[in-house]
Amino acid sequence: MASHPETKIDCSKVYVKQSSFSNEKTGMFDGAFALVDIKEGELVEKGVMRRLPDGFDGNTCPYIFTWSNERPNKTWGMGSGCSPFYNTCKEGTANTHMKRFFDEDRFEIYATRDIKAGEELLHTYISLKWRTCFQDLNEIVHADDSEHKSDD
């Protein structure tokens, strides 16, 4: 089904189910998946970001987005559609990239390579390395980095 041309939110190519990364060790959690084949450079999803009022702290809550380039970050947001369910991966390995329009409180997610229907959608969280709530996740994502460093 085609979306309305004026819609600010379109996640018609994406669905959410249990992540392929969830297990007894990591816990059970959901992920975003491609509903259809998506070509490199194609828009996967677009949506809006709701800025959260003062008091929300993304350093302790992993379910909200970093919503500025300012560091330390003081602006947090809640994403629309399936965006909260995209899991992260190491820089340079993600199959999607989120383009952020901070001044318009909207985002667009594009395919960084061809994606097959049923494939889990991943992007690299811009705050993966510095948010305290992502410390364990960052270590998991970069676990093989330390292994390679010890081989030098």
C-alpha atoms as a PDB file:
ATOM      1  CA  MET A   1       0.000   0.000   0.000  1.00  0.00           C
ATOM      2  CA  ALA A   2       1.327   3.443  -0.903  1.00  0.00           C
ATOM      3  CA  SER A   3       1.608   6.001   1.836  1.00  0.00           C
ATOM      4  CA  HIS A   4       0.055   9.447   1.691  1.00  0.00           C
ATOM      5  CA  PRO A   5       2.446  11.875  -0.081  1.00  0.00           C
ATOM      6  CA  GLU A   6       2.286  14.326   2.847  1.00  0.00           C
ATOM      7  CA  THR A   7       2.961  11.800   5.589  1.00  0.00           C
ATOM      8  CA  LYS A   8       5.827  12.547   7.940  1.00  0.00           C
ATOM      9  CA  ILE A   9       6.085   8.892   8.960  1.00  0.00           C
ATOM     10  CA  ASP A  10       6.535   5.940   6.615  1.00  0.00           C
ATOM     11  CA  CYS A  11       7.759   2.606   7.897  1.00  0.00           C
ATOM     12  CA  SER A  12       5.906   0.507   5.305  1.00  0.00           C
ATOM     13  CA  LYS A  13       9.085  -1.393   4.307  1.00  0.00           C
ATOM     14  CA  VAL A  14       9.856  -2.424   7.893  1.00  0.00           C
ATOM     15  CA  TYR A  15       8.386  -4.780  10.482  1.00  0.00           C
ATOM     16  CA  VAL A  16       9.365  -5.650  14.055  1.00  0.00           C
ATOM     17  CA  LYS A  17       9.903  -9.098  15.569  1.00  0.00           C
ATOM     18  CA  GLN A  18      12.333 -10.778  17.964  1.00  0.00           C
ATOM     19  CA  SER A  19      15.884  -9.761  17.108  1.00  0.00           C
ATOM     20  CA  SER A  20      18.253 -12.310  15.614  1.00  0.00           C
ATOM     21  CA  PHE A  21      20.741 -11.169  18.286  1.00  0.00           C
ATOM     22  CA  SER A  22      18.516 -11.960  21.268  1.00  0.00           C
ATOM     23  CA  ASN A  23      19.209 -15.122  23.238  1.00  0.00           C
ATOM     24  CA  GLU A  24      19.294 -16.374  26.823  1.00  0.00           C
ATOM     25  CA  LYS A  25      22.622 -14.630  27.463  1.00  0.00           C
ATOM     26  CA  THR A  26      21.697 -11.209  25.991  1.00  0.00           C
ATOM     27  CA  GLY A  27      18.037 -11.361  26.907  1.00  0.00           C
ATOM     28  CA  MET A  28      15.046 -11.316  24.618  1.00  0.00           C
ATOM     29  CA  PHE A  29      14.488  -8.114  22.642  1.00  0.00           C
ATOM     30  CA  ASP A  30      13.035  -6.996  19.337  1.00  0.00           C
ATOM     31  CA  GLY A  31      14.602  -5.780  16.120  1.00  0.00           C
ATOM     32  CA  ALA A  32      13.534  -4.090  12.881  1.00  0.00           C
ATOM     33  CA  PHE A  33      13.494  -6.186   9.698  1.00  0.00           C
ATOM     34  CA  ALA A  34      13.113  -5.493   5.983  1.00  0.00           C
ATOM     35  CA  LEU A  35       9.646  -6.396   4.716  1.00  0.00           C
ATOM     36  CA  VAL A  36      10.800  -6.183   1.079  1.00  0.00           C
ATOM     37  CA  ASP A  37      14.100  -6.154  -0.813  1.00  0.00           C
ATOM     38  CA  ILE A  38      15.652  -2.692  -0.499  1.00  0.00           C
ATOM     39  CA  LYS A  39      18.324  -1.333  -2.850  1.00  0.00           C
ATOM     40  CA  GLU A  40      21.466   0.490  -1.716  1.00  0.00           C
ATOM     41  CA  GLY A  41      20.718   4.208  -1.277  1.00  0.00           C
ATOM     42  CA  GLU A  42      16.951   3.652  -1.088  1.00  0.00           C
ATOM     43  CA  LEU A  43      14.867   5.236   1.673  1.00  0.00           C
ATOM     44  CA  VAL A  44      14.004   2.536   4.201  1.00  0.00           C
ATOM     45  CA  GLU A  45      11.981   4.590   6.668  1.00  0.00           C
ATOM     46  CA  LYS A  46      11.249   8.198   7.510  1.00  0.00           C
ATOM     47  CA  GLY A  47       9.816   9.631  10.659  1.00  0.00           C
ATOM     48  CA  VAL A  48       9.653  12.295  13.294  1.00  0.00           C
ATOM     49  CA  MET A  49      11.410  12.769  16.572  1.00  0.00           C
ATOM     50  CA  ARG A  50       9.525  13.965  19.638  1.00  0.00           C
ATOM     51  CA  ARG A  51      11.849  16.024  21.849  1.00  0.00           C
ATOM     52  CA  LEU A  52      11.611  14.942  25.449  1.00  0.00           C
ATOM     53  CA  PRO A  53      11.308  17.488  28.277  1.00  0.00           C
ATOM     54  CA  ASP A  54      14.094  18.200  30.734  1.00  0.00           C
ATOM     55  CA  GLY A  55      14.573  15.385  33.188  1.00  0.00           C
ATOM     56  CA  PHE A  56      14.977  12.537  30.704  1.00  0.00           C
ATOM     57  CA  ASP A  57      18.515  11.192  30.737  1.00  0.00           C
ATOM     58  CA  GLY A  58      19.702   9.123  27.809  1.00  0.00           C
ATOM     59  CA  ASN A  59      22.805   8.176  29.763  1.00  0.00           C
ATOM     60  CA  THR A  60      20.633   5.982  31.954  1.00  0.00           C
ATOM     61  CA  CYS A  61      17.804   5.153  29.517  1.00  0.00           C
ATOM     62  CA  PRO A  62      18.805   3.298  26.322  1.00  0.00           C
ATOM     63  CA  TYR A  63      15.349   3.613  24.739  1.00  0.00           C
ATOM     64  CA  ILE A  64      15.625   7.270  23.761  1.00  0.00           C
ATOM     65  CA  PHE A  65      17.664   8.929  21.032  1.00  0.00           C
ATOM     66  CA  THR A  66      20.532  11.383  21.244  1.00  0.00           C
ATOM     67  CA  TRP A  67      18.975  14.365  19.445  1.00  0.00           C
ATOM     68  CA  SER A  68      21.761  16.905  18.885  1.00  0.00           C
ATOM     69  CA  ASN A  69      25.436  17.175  18.013  1.00  0.00           C
ATOM     70  CA  GLU A  70      26.057  18.974  21.318  1.00  0.00           C
ATOM     71  CA  ARG A  71      28.363  17.196  23.801  1.00  0.00           C
ATOM     72  CA  PRO A  72      27.588  16.588  26.501  1.00  0.00           C
ATOM     73  CA  ASN A  73      24.196  15.885  25.012  1.00  0.00           C
ATOM     74  CA  LYS A  74      21.260  17.690  26.625  1.00  0.00           C
ATOM     75  CA  THR A  75      18.544  16.967  24.042  1.00  0.00           C
ATOM     76  CA  TRP A  76      16.860  13.574  23.938  1.00  0.00           C
ATOM     77  CA  GLY A  77      14.110  12.329  21.657  1.00  0.00           C
ATOM     78  CA  MET A  78      11.605   9.563  21.084  1.00  0.00           C
ATOM     79  CA  GLY A  79      11.539   8.207  17.521  1.00  0.00           C
ATOM     80  CA  SER A  80       8.434   7.323  15.554  1.00  0.00           C
ATOM     81  CA  GLY A  81       7.616   4.172  13.643  1.00  0.00           C
ATOM     82  CA  CYS A  82      10.038   1.248  13.804  1.00  0.00           C
ATOM     83  CA  SER A  83      13.110   3.426  14.471  1.00  0.00           C
ATOM     84  CA  PRO A  84      13.402   2.464  18.160  1.00  0.00           C
ATOM     85  CA  PHE A  85      13.867  -1.179  17.123  1.00  0.00           C
ATOM     86  CA  TYR A  86      16.924  -0.810  14.860  1.00  0.00           C
ATOM     87  CA  ASN A  87      19.753  -2.488  16.736  1.00  0.00           C
ATOM     88  CA  THR A  88      23.336  -1.328  16.526  1.00  0.00           C
ATOM     89  CA  CYS A  89      26.550  -2.705  15.125  1.00  0.00           C
ATOM     90  CA  LYS A  90      30.135  -1.685  14.577  1.00  0.00           C
ATOM     91  CA  GLU A  91      30.805   1.394  12.457  1.00  0.00           C
ATOM     92  CA  GLY A  92      31.188   0.482   8.801  1.00  0.00           C
ATOM     93  CA  THR A  93      29.148  -2.731   9.051  1.00  0.00           C
ATOM     94  CA  ALA A  94      25.580  -1.367   9.297  1.00  0.00           C
ATOM     95  CA  ASN A  95      23.129  -1.978   6.479  1.00  0.00           C
ATOM     96  CA  THR A  96      21.342   1.333   7.168  1.00  0.00           C
ATOM     97  CA  HIS A  97      22.273   4.891   8.067  1.00  0.00           C
ATOM     98  CA  MET A  98      20.069   7.428   9.834  1.00  0.00           C
ATOM     99  CA  LYS A  99      20.174  10.963   8.459  1.00  0.00           C
ATOM    100  CA  ARG A 100      19.127  13.359  11.208  1.00  0.00           C
ATOM    101  CA  PHE A 101      17.466  16.718  10.623  1.00  0.00           C
ATOM    102  CA  PHE A 102      17.768  18.135  14.142  1.00  0.00           C
ATOM    103  CA  ASP A 103      16.269  21.528  13.258  1.00  0.00           C
ATOM    104  CA  GLU A 104      13.162  19.867  11.751  1.00  0.00           C
ATOM    105  CA  ASP A 105      12.829  17.033  14.321  1.00  0.00           C
ATOM    106  CA  ARG A 106      12.734  14.389  11.639  1.00  0.00           C
ATOM    107  CA  PHE A 107      14.921  11.584  10.307  1.00  0.00           C
ATOM    108  CA  GLU A 108      15.379   9.432   7.235  1.00  0.00           C
ATOM    109  CA  ILE A 109      16.939   5.976   7.228  1.00  0.00           C
ATOM    110  CA  TYR A 110      18.694   4.814   4.054  1.00  0.00           C
ATOM    111  CA  ALA A 111      20.113   1.458   2.957  1.00  0.00           C
ATOM    112  CA  THR A 112      23.924   1.465   2.883  1.00  0.00           C
ATOM    113  CA  ARG A 113      23.899  -1.666   0.700  1.00  0.00           C
ATOM    114  CA  ASP A 114      21.311  -3.957  -0.895  1.00  0.00           C
ATOM    115  CA  ILE A 115      19.125  -5.532   1.802  1.00  0.00           C
ATOM    116  CA  LYS A 116      17.100  -8.718   1.333  1.00  0.00           C
ATOM    117  CA  ALA A 117      13.553  -9.104   2.655  1.00  0.00           C
ATOM    118  CA  GLY A 118      13.685 -10.646   6.127  1.00  0.00           C
ATOM    119  CA  GLU A 119      17.140  -9.240   6.946  1.00  0.00           C
ATOM    120  CA  GLU A 120      17.552  -7.460  10.278  1.00  0.00           C
ATOM    121  CA  LEU A 121      18.113  -3.712   9.896  1.00  0.00           C
ATOM    122  CA  LEU A 122      21.086  -2.290  11.779  1.00  0.00           C
ATOM    123  CA  HIS A 123      22.627   1.143  12.133  1.00  0.00           C
ATOM    124  CA  THR A 124      25.451   2.402  14.315  1.00  0.00           C
ATOM    125  CA  TYR A 125      24.223   4.443  17.264  1.00  0.00           C
ATOM    126  CA  ILE A 126      25.984   7.829  17.212  1.00  0.00           C
ATOM    127  CA  SER A 127      26.262   7.645  21.003  1.00  0.00           C
ATOM    128  CA  LEU A 128      27.342   4.013  21.295  1.00  0.00           C
ATOM    129  CA  LYS A 129      30.830   4.838  22.546  1.00  0.00           C
ATOM    130  CA  TRP A 130      29.955   7.491  25.161  1.00  0.00           C
ATOM    131  CA  ARG A 131      26.520   6.838  26.662  1.00  0.00           C
ATOM    132  CA  THR A 132      26.880   5.063  29.973  1.00  0.00           C
ATOM    133  CA  CYS A 133      23.753   2.960  29.332  1.00  0.00           C
ATOM    134  CA  PHE A 134      25.506   1.533  26.242  1.00  0.00           C
ATOM    135  CA  GLN A 135      28.766   0.638  27.994  1.00  0.00           C
ATOM    136  CA  ASP A 136      28.103  -3.129  28.025  1.00  0.00           C
ATOM    137  CA  LEU A 137      26.623  -3.012  24.508  1.00  0.00           C
ATOM    138  CA  ASN A 138      29.654  -1.101  23.215  1.00  0.00           C
ATOM    139  CA  GLU A 139      31.941  -3.772  24.697  1.00  0.00           C
ATOM    140  CA  ILE A 140      29.920  -6.542  23.006  1.00  0.00           C
ATOM    141  CA  VAL A 141      29.884  -4.743  19.632  1.00  0.00           C
ATOM    142  CA  HIS A 142      33.632  -4.083  19.779  1.00  0.00           C
ATOM    143  CA  ALA A 143      34.677  -7.332  21.506  1.00  0.00           C
ATOM    144  CA  ASP A 144      36.711  -8.555  18.543  1.00  0.00           C
ATOM    145  CA  ASP A 145      38.575  -5.222  18.348  1.00  0.00           C
ATOM    146  CA  SER A 146      40.521  -6.052  21.516  1.00  0.00           C
ATOM    147  CA  GLU A 147      41.203  -9.563  20.204  1.00  0.00           C
ATOM    148  CA  HIS A 148      42.747  -8.091  17.042  1.00  0.00           C
ATOM    149  CA  LYS A 149      44.790  -5.593  19.073  1.00  0.00           C
ATOM    150  CA  SER A 150      46.324  -8.427  21.109  1.00  0.00           C
ATOM    151  CA  ASP A 151      47.393 -10.138  17.866  1.00  0.00           C
ATOM    152  CA  ASP A 152      49.582  -7.147  16.885  1.00  0.00           C
END
